[in-house]
Each structure stands twice: as C-alpha cells, then as structure tokens.
N, C-alpha and C. Protein backbone atom coordinates (compact mmCIF):
# COMPACT_ATOMS: atom_id res chain seq x y z
N MET A 1 -37.29 -65.42 -7.11
CA MET A 1 -37.83 -66.47 -6.28
C MET A 1 -38.86 -67.29 -7.06
N ARG A 2 -39.69 -66.60 -7.85
CA ARG A 2 -40.72 -67.33 -8.60
C ARG A 2 -40.09 -68.30 -9.59
N ARG A 3 -38.94 -67.94 -10.07
CA ARG A 3 -38.26 -68.77 -11.07
C ARG A 3 -37.59 -69.99 -10.45
N TYR A 4 -37.01 -69.84 -9.26
CA TYR A 4 -36.21 -70.92 -8.68
C TYR A 4 -36.87 -71.63 -7.50
N ALA A 5 -37.74 -70.95 -6.78
CA ALA A 5 -38.40 -71.58 -5.63
C ALA A 5 -39.62 -72.35 -6.13
N ARG A 6 -39.37 -73.60 -6.47
CA ARG A 6 -40.42 -74.44 -7.05
C ARG A 6 -40.54 -75.74 -6.27
N HIS A 7 -41.72 -76.27 -6.30
CA HIS A 7 -41.96 -77.54 -5.62
C HIS A 7 -41.11 -78.63 -6.27
N TYR A 8 -40.48 -79.44 -5.45
CA TYR A 8 -39.52 -80.42 -5.97
C TYR A 8 -40.18 -81.51 -6.82
N GLN A 9 -41.49 -81.76 -6.66
CA GLN A 9 -42.14 -82.80 -7.46
C GLN A 9 -42.96 -82.22 -8.61
N THR A 10 -43.73 -81.18 -8.33
CA THR A 10 -44.65 -80.66 -9.34
C THR A 10 -44.05 -79.56 -10.20
N GLY A 11 -43.02 -78.90 -9.70
CA GLY A 11 -42.44 -77.78 -10.44
C GLY A 11 -43.24 -76.49 -10.32
N GLU A 12 -44.29 -76.50 -9.52
CA GLU A 12 -45.10 -75.30 -9.32
C GLU A 12 -44.28 -74.24 -8.59
N PRO A 13 -44.42 -72.98 -9.02
CA PRO A 13 -43.68 -71.91 -8.31
C PRO A 13 -44.23 -71.70 -6.90
N ILE A 14 -43.41 -71.10 -6.08
CA ILE A 14 -43.82 -70.81 -4.70
C ILE A 14 -45.10 -69.98 -4.72
N PRO A 15 -46.07 -70.33 -3.90
CA PRO A 15 -47.31 -69.54 -3.87
C PRO A 15 -47.05 -68.10 -3.43
N GLU A 16 -47.90 -67.20 -3.84
CA GLU A 16 -47.72 -65.77 -3.59
C GLU A 16 -47.67 -65.42 -2.10
N GLU A 17 -48.53 -66.05 -1.28
CA GLU A 17 -48.58 -65.69 0.13
C GLU A 17 -47.27 -65.99 0.87
N PRO A 18 -46.71 -67.20 0.77
CA PRO A 18 -45.41 -67.42 1.43
C PRO A 18 -44.31 -66.54 0.85
N LEU A 19 -44.34 -66.29 -0.45
CA LEU A 19 -43.35 -65.41 -1.07
C LEU A 19 -43.46 -64.00 -0.51
N ARG A 20 -44.68 -63.49 -0.39
CA ARG A 20 -44.89 -62.17 0.17
C ARG A 20 -44.37 -62.08 1.60
N ARG A 21 -44.62 -63.12 2.41
CA ARG A 21 -44.14 -63.14 3.80
C ARG A 21 -42.62 -63.20 3.86
N LEU A 22 -42.02 -64.01 2.98
CA LEU A 22 -40.55 -64.08 2.93
C LEU A 22 -39.94 -62.72 2.60
N LEU A 23 -40.48 -62.08 1.59
CA LEU A 23 -39.95 -60.78 1.18
C LEU A 23 -40.17 -59.72 2.26
N ALA A 24 -41.30 -59.79 2.95
CA ALA A 24 -41.58 -58.83 4.02
C ALA A 24 -40.62 -59.03 5.20
N ALA A 25 -40.15 -60.24 5.42
CA ALA A 25 -39.29 -60.54 6.57
C ALA A 25 -37.81 -60.33 6.29
N ARG A 26 -37.43 -60.10 5.05
CA ARG A 26 -36.00 -60.05 4.73
C ARG A 26 -35.26 -58.92 5.42
N ASN A 27 -35.95 -57.87 5.80
CA ASN A 27 -35.29 -56.75 6.48
C ASN A 27 -35.54 -56.74 7.98
N PHE A 28 -36.11 -57.83 8.49
CA PHE A 28 -36.37 -57.90 9.92
C PHE A 28 -35.08 -57.71 10.71
N ASN A 29 -35.12 -56.85 11.68
CA ASN A 29 -34.03 -56.63 12.63
C ASN A 29 -32.81 -55.92 12.03
N GLN A 30 -32.95 -55.34 10.86
CA GLN A 30 -31.81 -54.68 10.23
C GLN A 30 -31.38 -53.42 10.97
N GLY A 31 -32.30 -52.71 11.60
CA GLY A 31 -31.92 -51.54 12.39
C GLY A 31 -31.02 -51.94 13.54
N PHE A 32 -31.41 -53.00 14.24
CA PHE A 32 -30.62 -53.52 15.36
C PHE A 32 -29.23 -53.93 14.86
N ALA A 33 -29.19 -54.73 13.80
CA ALA A 33 -27.92 -55.24 13.28
C ALA A 33 -27.02 -54.11 12.80
N THR A 34 -27.60 -53.10 12.17
CA THR A 34 -26.80 -51.99 11.66
C THR A 34 -26.19 -51.18 12.80
N VAL A 35 -26.98 -50.89 13.83
CA VAL A 35 -26.45 -50.14 14.98
C VAL A 35 -25.39 -50.98 15.69
N GLU A 36 -25.66 -52.26 15.86
CA GLU A 36 -24.72 -53.17 16.53
C GLU A 36 -23.37 -53.19 15.82
N TYR A 37 -23.40 -53.33 14.51
CA TYR A 37 -22.16 -53.40 13.73
C TYR A 37 -21.47 -52.04 13.66
N THR A 38 -22.26 -50.98 13.49
CA THR A 38 -21.68 -49.64 13.42
C THR A 38 -20.98 -49.28 14.72
N GLY A 39 -21.55 -49.67 15.85
CA GLY A 39 -20.89 -49.44 17.14
C GLY A 39 -19.53 -50.08 17.19
N SER A 40 -19.43 -51.33 16.71
CA SER A 40 -18.13 -52.01 16.68
C SER A 40 -17.16 -51.31 15.75
N ALA A 41 -17.65 -50.86 14.60
CA ALA A 41 -16.78 -50.17 13.64
C ALA A 41 -16.25 -48.86 14.22
N LEU A 42 -17.12 -48.11 14.87
CA LEU A 42 -16.68 -46.84 15.48
C LEU A 42 -15.71 -47.08 16.62
N LEU A 43 -15.96 -48.10 17.43
CA LEU A 43 -15.04 -48.44 18.51
C LEU A 43 -13.68 -48.86 17.94
N ASP A 44 -13.69 -49.63 16.88
CA ASP A 44 -12.47 -50.07 16.22
C ASP A 44 -11.64 -48.86 15.78
N ILE A 45 -12.29 -47.90 15.15
CA ILE A 45 -11.57 -46.69 14.72
C ILE A 45 -11.02 -45.93 15.92
N GLU A 46 -11.84 -45.80 16.95
CA GLU A 46 -11.41 -45.06 18.15
C GLU A 46 -10.22 -45.74 18.82
N LEU A 47 -10.23 -47.07 18.88
CA LEU A 47 -9.09 -47.79 19.46
C LEU A 47 -7.82 -47.54 18.66
N HIS A 48 -7.93 -47.48 17.35
CA HIS A 48 -6.76 -47.24 16.51
C HIS A 48 -6.24 -45.82 16.64
N ARG A 49 -7.08 -44.91 17.09
CA ARG A 49 -6.66 -43.51 17.26
C ARG A 49 -6.04 -43.26 18.62
N TYR A 50 -6.16 -44.19 19.54
CA TYR A 50 -5.68 -43.99 20.91
C TYR A 50 -4.16 -43.87 20.91
N PRO A 51 -3.61 -42.80 21.51
CA PRO A 51 -2.17 -42.53 21.40
C PRO A 51 -1.26 -43.48 22.18
N ALA A 52 -1.74 -44.06 23.28
CA ALA A 52 -0.87 -44.91 24.11
C ALA A 52 -1.60 -46.22 24.44
N PRO A 53 -1.72 -47.12 23.47
CA PRO A 53 -2.50 -48.34 23.70
C PRO A 53 -1.97 -49.23 24.82
N GLU A 54 -0.69 -49.16 25.10
CA GLU A 54 -0.13 -50.01 26.16
C GLU A 54 -0.66 -49.62 27.54
N ALA A 55 -1.16 -48.41 27.69
CA ALA A 55 -1.68 -47.94 28.98
C ALA A 55 -3.21 -47.97 29.03
N LEU A 56 -3.82 -48.58 28.06
CA LEU A 56 -5.28 -48.54 27.92
C LEU A 56 -5.98 -49.54 28.83
N ASP A 57 -6.96 -49.07 29.59
CA ASP A 57 -7.88 -49.94 30.31
C ASP A 57 -9.04 -50.19 29.35
N VAL A 58 -8.99 -51.31 28.67
CA VAL A 58 -9.91 -51.58 27.56
C VAL A 58 -11.37 -51.56 28.00
N ALA A 59 -11.69 -52.20 29.12
CA ALA A 59 -13.08 -52.25 29.57
C ALA A 59 -13.62 -50.85 29.86
N ARG A 60 -12.82 -50.06 30.52
CA ARG A 60 -13.23 -48.69 30.83
C ARG A 60 -13.34 -47.85 29.56
N PHE A 61 -12.38 -48.00 28.67
CA PHE A 61 -12.38 -47.27 27.40
C PHE A 61 -13.66 -47.59 26.62
N GLU A 62 -14.00 -48.88 26.55
CA GLU A 62 -15.21 -49.30 25.83
C GLU A 62 -16.45 -48.68 26.46
N GLN A 63 -16.58 -48.78 27.77
CA GLN A 63 -17.74 -48.26 28.47
C GLN A 63 -17.90 -46.75 28.24
N GLU A 64 -16.81 -46.01 28.39
CA GLU A 64 -16.86 -44.55 28.20
C GLU A 64 -17.18 -44.19 26.76
N PHE A 65 -16.61 -44.94 25.83
CA PHE A 65 -16.88 -44.69 24.41
C PHE A 65 -18.35 -44.91 24.08
N LEU A 66 -18.90 -46.04 24.54
CA LEU A 66 -20.30 -46.35 24.25
C LEU A 66 -21.24 -45.32 24.87
N GLU A 67 -20.91 -44.84 26.05
CA GLU A 67 -21.72 -43.78 26.66
C GLU A 67 -21.62 -42.50 25.85
N ARG A 68 -20.43 -42.17 25.39
CA ARG A 68 -20.21 -40.94 24.62
C ARG A 68 -20.99 -40.95 23.30
N ILE A 69 -21.07 -42.08 22.62
CA ILE A 69 -21.79 -42.12 21.34
C ILE A 69 -23.28 -42.39 21.53
N GLY A 70 -23.70 -42.66 22.77
CA GLY A 70 -25.11 -42.90 23.03
C GLY A 70 -25.59 -44.27 22.56
N MET A 71 -24.71 -45.26 22.61
CA MET A 71 -25.07 -46.61 22.19
C MET A 71 -26.16 -47.17 23.10
N PRO A 72 -27.29 -47.59 22.55
CA PRO A 72 -28.35 -48.16 23.39
C PRO A 72 -27.86 -49.41 24.11
N GLN A 73 -28.08 -49.47 25.41
CA GLN A 73 -27.65 -50.64 26.18
C GLN A 73 -28.35 -51.90 25.71
N GLU A 74 -29.55 -51.77 25.17
CA GLU A 74 -30.30 -52.93 24.70
C GLU A 74 -29.66 -53.58 23.48
N ILE A 75 -28.83 -52.83 22.79
CA ILE A 75 -28.20 -53.37 21.58
C ILE A 75 -26.79 -53.86 21.87
N GLY A 76 -25.95 -53.04 22.44
CA GLY A 76 -24.58 -53.46 22.70
C GLY A 76 -23.77 -53.58 21.42
N LEU A 77 -22.65 -54.25 21.53
CA LEU A 77 -21.74 -54.40 20.39
C LEU A 77 -21.80 -55.80 19.81
N ARG A 78 -21.69 -55.90 18.52
CA ARG A 78 -21.60 -57.21 17.88
C ARG A 78 -20.26 -57.86 18.21
N HIS A 79 -19.21 -57.06 18.17
CA HIS A 79 -17.86 -57.56 18.44
C HIS A 79 -17.23 -56.69 19.54
N ARG A 80 -16.77 -57.32 20.57
CA ARG A 80 -16.13 -56.63 21.69
C ARG A 80 -14.64 -56.51 21.40
N PRO A 81 -13.94 -55.61 22.10
CA PRO A 81 -12.51 -55.41 21.84
C PRO A 81 -11.67 -56.69 21.87
N ALA A 82 -12.06 -57.67 22.67
CA ALA A 82 -11.31 -58.93 22.68
C ALA A 82 -11.36 -59.63 21.32
N HIS A 83 -12.39 -59.34 20.54
CA HIS A 83 -12.51 -59.92 19.19
C HIS A 83 -11.68 -59.17 18.16
N PHE A 84 -11.08 -58.04 18.55
CA PHE A 84 -10.35 -57.19 17.62
C PHE A 84 -8.88 -57.58 17.49
N GLN A 85 -8.44 -58.63 18.13
CA GLN A 85 -7.02 -58.98 18.14
C GLN A 85 -6.42 -58.99 16.74
N HIS A 86 -7.12 -59.56 15.78
CA HIS A 86 -6.60 -59.62 14.41
C HIS A 86 -6.45 -58.24 13.79
N LEU A 87 -7.18 -57.26 14.31
CA LEU A 87 -7.08 -55.91 13.77
C LEU A 87 -5.82 -55.20 14.22
N PHE A 88 -5.20 -55.72 15.27
CA PHE A 88 -3.99 -55.09 15.80
C PHE A 88 -2.75 -55.93 15.53
N ALA A 89 -2.89 -56.99 14.77
CA ALA A 89 -1.77 -57.88 14.51
C ALA A 89 -0.79 -57.30 13.50
N GLY A 90 -1.23 -56.31 12.74
CA GLY A 90 -0.36 -55.70 11.74
C GLY A 90 -1.04 -54.47 11.17
N GLY A 91 -0.30 -53.67 10.45
CA GLY A 91 -0.83 -52.42 9.92
C GLY A 91 -1.80 -52.57 8.78
N GLY A 92 -1.83 -53.70 8.12
CA GLY A 92 -2.67 -53.86 6.93
C GLY A 92 -4.13 -54.06 7.20
N TYR A 93 -4.52 -54.22 8.45
CA TYR A 93 -5.91 -54.54 8.75
C TYR A 93 -6.53 -53.53 9.70
N ALA A 94 -5.88 -52.39 9.85
CA ALA A 94 -6.33 -51.38 10.80
C ALA A 94 -7.75 -50.92 10.47
N ALA A 95 -8.54 -50.76 11.51
CA ALA A 95 -9.93 -50.30 11.40
C ALA A 95 -10.73 -51.16 10.42
N GLY A 96 -10.54 -52.46 10.49
CA GLY A 96 -11.18 -53.39 9.56
C GLY A 96 -12.69 -53.43 9.62
N TYR A 97 -13.30 -53.26 10.79
CA TYR A 97 -14.76 -53.31 10.87
C TYR A 97 -15.38 -52.15 10.11
N TYR A 98 -14.74 -50.99 10.19
CA TYR A 98 -15.21 -49.86 9.40
C TYR A 98 -15.07 -50.18 7.91
N ALA A 99 -13.97 -50.79 7.53
CA ALA A 99 -13.75 -51.11 6.12
C ALA A 99 -14.82 -52.06 5.60
N TYR A 100 -15.25 -53.00 6.43
CA TYR A 100 -16.33 -53.92 6.02
C TYR A 100 -17.62 -53.14 5.75
N LEU A 101 -17.93 -52.22 6.64
CA LEU A 101 -19.15 -51.43 6.49
C LEU A 101 -19.06 -50.53 5.26
N TRP A 102 -17.90 -49.94 5.04
CA TRP A 102 -17.70 -49.09 3.87
C TRP A 102 -17.83 -49.92 2.59
N ALA A 103 -17.33 -51.14 2.60
CA ALA A 103 -17.47 -52.01 1.42
C ALA A 103 -18.94 -52.28 1.13
N GLU A 104 -19.76 -52.43 2.17
CA GLU A 104 -21.19 -52.63 1.96
C GLU A 104 -21.84 -51.39 1.35
N VAL A 105 -21.40 -50.20 1.76
CA VAL A 105 -21.91 -48.97 1.18
C VAL A 105 -21.57 -48.92 -0.31
N LEU A 106 -20.31 -49.21 -0.65
CA LEU A 106 -19.89 -49.20 -2.05
C LEU A 106 -20.66 -50.23 -2.88
N ASP A 107 -20.85 -51.41 -2.33
CA ASP A 107 -21.60 -52.46 -3.01
C ASP A 107 -23.03 -52.02 -3.29
N ALA A 108 -23.73 -51.53 -2.27
CA ALA A 108 -25.12 -51.13 -2.44
C ALA A 108 -25.25 -49.95 -3.38
N ASP A 109 -24.39 -48.94 -3.23
CA ASP A 109 -24.45 -47.76 -4.08
C ASP A 109 -24.10 -48.11 -5.53
N GLY A 110 -23.11 -48.96 -5.70
CA GLY A 110 -22.73 -49.38 -7.05
C GLY A 110 -23.83 -50.18 -7.73
N PHE A 111 -24.46 -51.09 -7.00
CA PHE A 111 -25.56 -51.88 -7.58
C PHE A 111 -26.75 -50.99 -7.90
N ALA A 112 -26.96 -49.96 -7.08
CA ALA A 112 -28.06 -49.03 -7.35
C ALA A 112 -27.90 -48.37 -8.71
N ALA A 113 -26.67 -48.17 -9.17
CA ALA A 113 -26.46 -47.59 -10.50
C ALA A 113 -27.11 -48.47 -11.57
N PHE A 114 -27.02 -49.78 -11.40
CA PHE A 114 -27.62 -50.70 -12.36
C PHE A 114 -29.14 -50.71 -12.27
N THR A 115 -29.67 -50.69 -11.06
CA THR A 115 -31.14 -50.66 -10.93
C THR A 115 -31.69 -49.34 -11.44
N GLU A 116 -30.98 -48.24 -11.21
CA GLU A 116 -31.41 -46.94 -11.73
C GLU A 116 -31.38 -46.93 -13.25
N ALA A 117 -30.44 -47.66 -13.85
CA ALA A 117 -30.36 -47.74 -15.31
C ALA A 117 -31.48 -48.60 -15.88
N GLY A 118 -32.15 -49.38 -15.02
CA GLY A 118 -33.25 -50.22 -15.48
C GLY A 118 -32.81 -51.56 -16.01
N ASP A 119 -31.53 -51.88 -15.88
CA ASP A 119 -31.01 -53.15 -16.39
C ASP A 119 -29.80 -53.55 -15.56
N VAL A 120 -29.96 -54.57 -14.73
CA VAL A 120 -28.84 -54.98 -13.87
C VAL A 120 -27.70 -55.61 -14.67
N PHE A 121 -27.92 -55.80 -15.97
CA PHE A 121 -26.86 -56.33 -16.84
C PHE A 121 -26.45 -55.30 -17.89
N ASP A 122 -26.70 -54.02 -17.64
CA ASP A 122 -26.40 -52.96 -18.60
C ASP A 122 -24.94 -53.04 -19.03
N PRO A 123 -24.66 -53.31 -20.31
CA PRO A 123 -23.28 -53.50 -20.77
C PRO A 123 -22.39 -52.26 -20.65
N ALA A 124 -22.92 -51.09 -20.93
CA ALA A 124 -22.10 -49.87 -20.84
C ALA A 124 -21.72 -49.59 -19.39
N LEU A 125 -22.66 -49.75 -18.50
CA LEU A 125 -22.39 -49.54 -17.08
C LEU A 125 -21.41 -50.59 -16.56
N ALA A 126 -21.58 -51.82 -16.99
CA ALA A 126 -20.67 -52.89 -16.59
C ALA A 126 -19.25 -52.61 -17.07
N ALA A 127 -19.12 -52.04 -18.26
CA ALA A 127 -17.80 -51.70 -18.79
C ALA A 127 -17.15 -50.61 -17.95
N ARG A 128 -17.96 -49.63 -17.50
CA ARG A 128 -17.41 -48.58 -16.62
C ARG A 128 -16.98 -49.16 -15.28
N LEU A 129 -17.74 -50.11 -14.77
CA LEU A 129 -17.38 -50.76 -13.51
C LEU A 129 -16.09 -51.57 -13.68
N LYS A 130 -15.97 -52.23 -14.82
CA LYS A 130 -14.75 -53.00 -15.10
C LYS A 130 -13.52 -52.09 -15.11
N ASP A 131 -13.71 -50.86 -15.58
CA ASP A 131 -12.60 -49.90 -15.58
C ASP A 131 -12.08 -49.65 -14.17
N ILE A 132 -12.98 -49.61 -13.20
CA ILE A 132 -12.56 -49.43 -11.80
C ILE A 132 -11.72 -50.61 -11.36
N TYR A 133 -12.26 -51.81 -11.59
CA TYR A 133 -11.56 -53.02 -11.14
C TYR A 133 -10.21 -53.19 -11.84
N SER A 134 -10.17 -52.92 -13.12
CA SER A 134 -8.93 -53.14 -13.87
C SER A 134 -7.87 -52.08 -13.58
N ALA A 135 -8.28 -50.93 -13.06
CA ALA A 135 -7.31 -49.87 -12.75
C ALA A 135 -6.46 -50.23 -11.54
N GLY A 136 -6.99 -51.10 -10.69
CA GLY A 136 -6.23 -51.49 -9.50
C GLY A 136 -5.87 -50.28 -8.66
N ASP A 137 -4.63 -50.19 -8.28
CA ASP A 137 -4.19 -49.09 -7.42
C ASP A 137 -3.43 -48.03 -8.22
N THR A 138 -3.82 -47.87 -9.48
CA THR A 138 -3.11 -46.90 -10.33
C THR A 138 -3.66 -45.49 -10.20
N ARG A 139 -4.90 -45.37 -9.67
CA ARG A 139 -5.52 -44.05 -9.47
C ARG A 139 -6.23 -44.04 -8.12
N ASP A 140 -6.53 -42.86 -7.65
CA ASP A 140 -7.24 -42.71 -6.40
C ASP A 140 -8.58 -43.44 -6.49
N PRO A 141 -8.90 -44.30 -5.52
CA PRO A 141 -10.14 -45.07 -5.57
C PRO A 141 -11.40 -44.21 -5.67
N MET A 142 -11.43 -43.09 -4.99
CA MET A 142 -12.62 -42.24 -5.06
C MET A 142 -12.75 -41.61 -6.44
N GLU A 143 -11.64 -41.27 -7.05
CA GLU A 143 -11.65 -40.74 -8.41
C GLU A 143 -12.24 -41.79 -9.37
N LEU A 144 -11.82 -43.03 -9.20
CA LEU A 144 -12.35 -44.12 -10.03
C LEU A 144 -13.85 -44.31 -9.81
N TYR A 145 -14.27 -44.26 -8.55
CA TYR A 145 -15.69 -44.45 -8.26
C TYR A 145 -16.52 -43.33 -8.87
N ARG A 146 -16.03 -42.09 -8.74
CA ARG A 146 -16.76 -40.96 -9.33
C ARG A 146 -16.86 -41.11 -10.85
N ALA A 147 -15.82 -41.66 -11.48
CA ALA A 147 -15.86 -41.87 -12.93
C ALA A 147 -16.93 -42.91 -13.28
N PHE A 148 -17.13 -43.88 -12.43
CA PHE A 148 -18.15 -44.91 -12.66
C PHE A 148 -19.55 -44.37 -12.37
N ARG A 149 -19.71 -43.74 -11.22
CA ARG A 149 -21.04 -43.40 -10.72
C ARG A 149 -21.45 -41.97 -11.02
N GLY A 150 -20.47 -41.11 -11.34
CA GLY A 150 -20.78 -39.70 -11.59
C GLY A 150 -20.86 -38.88 -10.32
N ARG A 151 -20.59 -39.52 -9.19
CA ARG A 151 -20.63 -38.85 -7.89
C ARG A 151 -19.96 -39.75 -6.86
N GLU A 152 -19.76 -39.22 -5.66
CA GLU A 152 -19.23 -40.06 -4.58
C GLU A 152 -20.34 -40.97 -4.06
N PRO A 153 -19.97 -42.08 -3.45
CA PRO A 153 -20.99 -42.98 -2.91
C PRO A 153 -21.73 -42.36 -1.73
N THR A 154 -22.96 -42.77 -1.55
CA THR A 154 -23.75 -42.35 -0.40
C THR A 154 -24.26 -43.60 0.31
N ILE A 155 -24.68 -43.42 1.52
CA ILE A 155 -25.17 -44.53 2.32
C ILE A 155 -26.63 -44.87 2.01
N GLU A 156 -27.30 -44.03 1.26
CA GLU A 156 -28.74 -44.20 1.03
C GLU A 156 -29.10 -45.57 0.46
N ALA A 157 -28.34 -46.06 -0.50
CA ALA A 157 -28.66 -47.35 -1.11
C ALA A 157 -28.56 -48.49 -0.09
N LEU A 158 -27.56 -48.43 0.78
CA LEU A 158 -27.42 -49.46 1.82
C LEU A 158 -28.60 -49.40 2.79
N LEU A 159 -28.96 -48.19 3.21
CA LEU A 159 -30.10 -48.05 4.12
C LEU A 159 -31.38 -48.56 3.46
N GLU A 160 -31.57 -48.25 2.20
CA GLU A 160 -32.75 -48.73 1.47
C GLU A 160 -32.72 -50.25 1.37
N GLN A 161 -31.57 -50.80 1.03
CA GLN A 161 -31.42 -52.24 0.91
C GLN A 161 -31.78 -52.95 2.22
N ARG A 162 -31.45 -52.31 3.33
CA ARG A 162 -31.74 -52.89 4.65
C ARG A 162 -33.13 -52.55 5.16
N GLY A 163 -33.89 -51.79 4.37
CA GLY A 163 -35.25 -51.43 4.78
C GLY A 163 -35.29 -50.34 5.83
N LEU A 164 -34.27 -49.48 5.85
CA LEU A 164 -34.16 -48.47 6.89
C LEU A 164 -34.45 -47.05 6.39
N THR A 165 -35.15 -46.96 5.27
CA THR A 165 -35.53 -45.64 4.75
C THR A 165 -37.04 -45.51 4.84
N ALA A 166 -37.49 -44.29 4.68
CA ALA A 166 -38.93 -44.03 4.78
C ALA A 166 -39.68 -44.47 3.52
N ALA A 167 -38.95 -44.84 2.49
CA ALA A 167 -39.58 -45.18 1.20
C ALA A 167 -40.49 -46.37 1.29
C-alpha cells in the first residue's frame, strides 16, 4: 500500500493513520461471511446426498438442515437452494459451493508456504508449485499437493487470512 497508494498530485505515500485503519478493517465481518458461506456449502453437499430429490420439500429440508447444524438465525445462508439451480444442471458442478471454499483453503495454505519460506517469489518453491499445475490430472491431486507442501492442506491459513485465529 505504501508503494502504490500515493497522492495523485504530490506522490506522497498514504499517511500511516489511514493505512493502519484500512488494514485493521480488512477482516471486518469475516466470521459472519465465513459461517454464511459455509452453511450454503454444507447445504449444497447435503442436497446432493439426498436419495430421492424429486420428492424433496426444499423449504422444509433447508429449515431442518439449518436447525440440525445449529446455524445462527441471525446469519442465515448466503445462497438459498433456489440459487443452486446451476449446481444440479449436470454432474460436473456437483457440490460447487463446497469446491469454492476448498479452493480458498488450498490457495491460502499454498500461499502460506511462500510466506513461511520468507520470500513470496521463492524460485524453488515456485518450481514445485509449477509441478502441481503442469501435472494436470495425471496424478492424484492430494499426492501432488503433499509433494509441494510436504503435508496435506489445513484450514489454518485461511482462518488466519480472514482474521479468525487467536494470533
């Protein structure tokens, strides 16, 4: 921010106080958003597991599911089942909301490898990451990720990124 957030006439960098406030606010409401999205992802998975969807009372199913998982009424769902139509249009997009959340976990955990290395442009680490991308679907994705990271991904980096850890 100090490098790019500059006054358009003087070129002076953004003052420290507004910068500090911006950085402090970046994780505002992340707990709410995470629970809201996770609820939709879990409901999406549950809908895909239902054995007889043609007989499903969607409103009742949603209500019972949310009660069962203890979803706070104050939060609700980001996406309701009516928004899931594209998820049921074909087999290639099943449980898509969960897949979005999982992609965020992989992104945050993978980027954490670079911050842990102390260089977000670490060439050796970047080469290992390239190996994952270039392998495509030739090997098990988790096997490829373990080869890159040395372990399976965890949610900790995503929670930290969202400001949801005690750190």
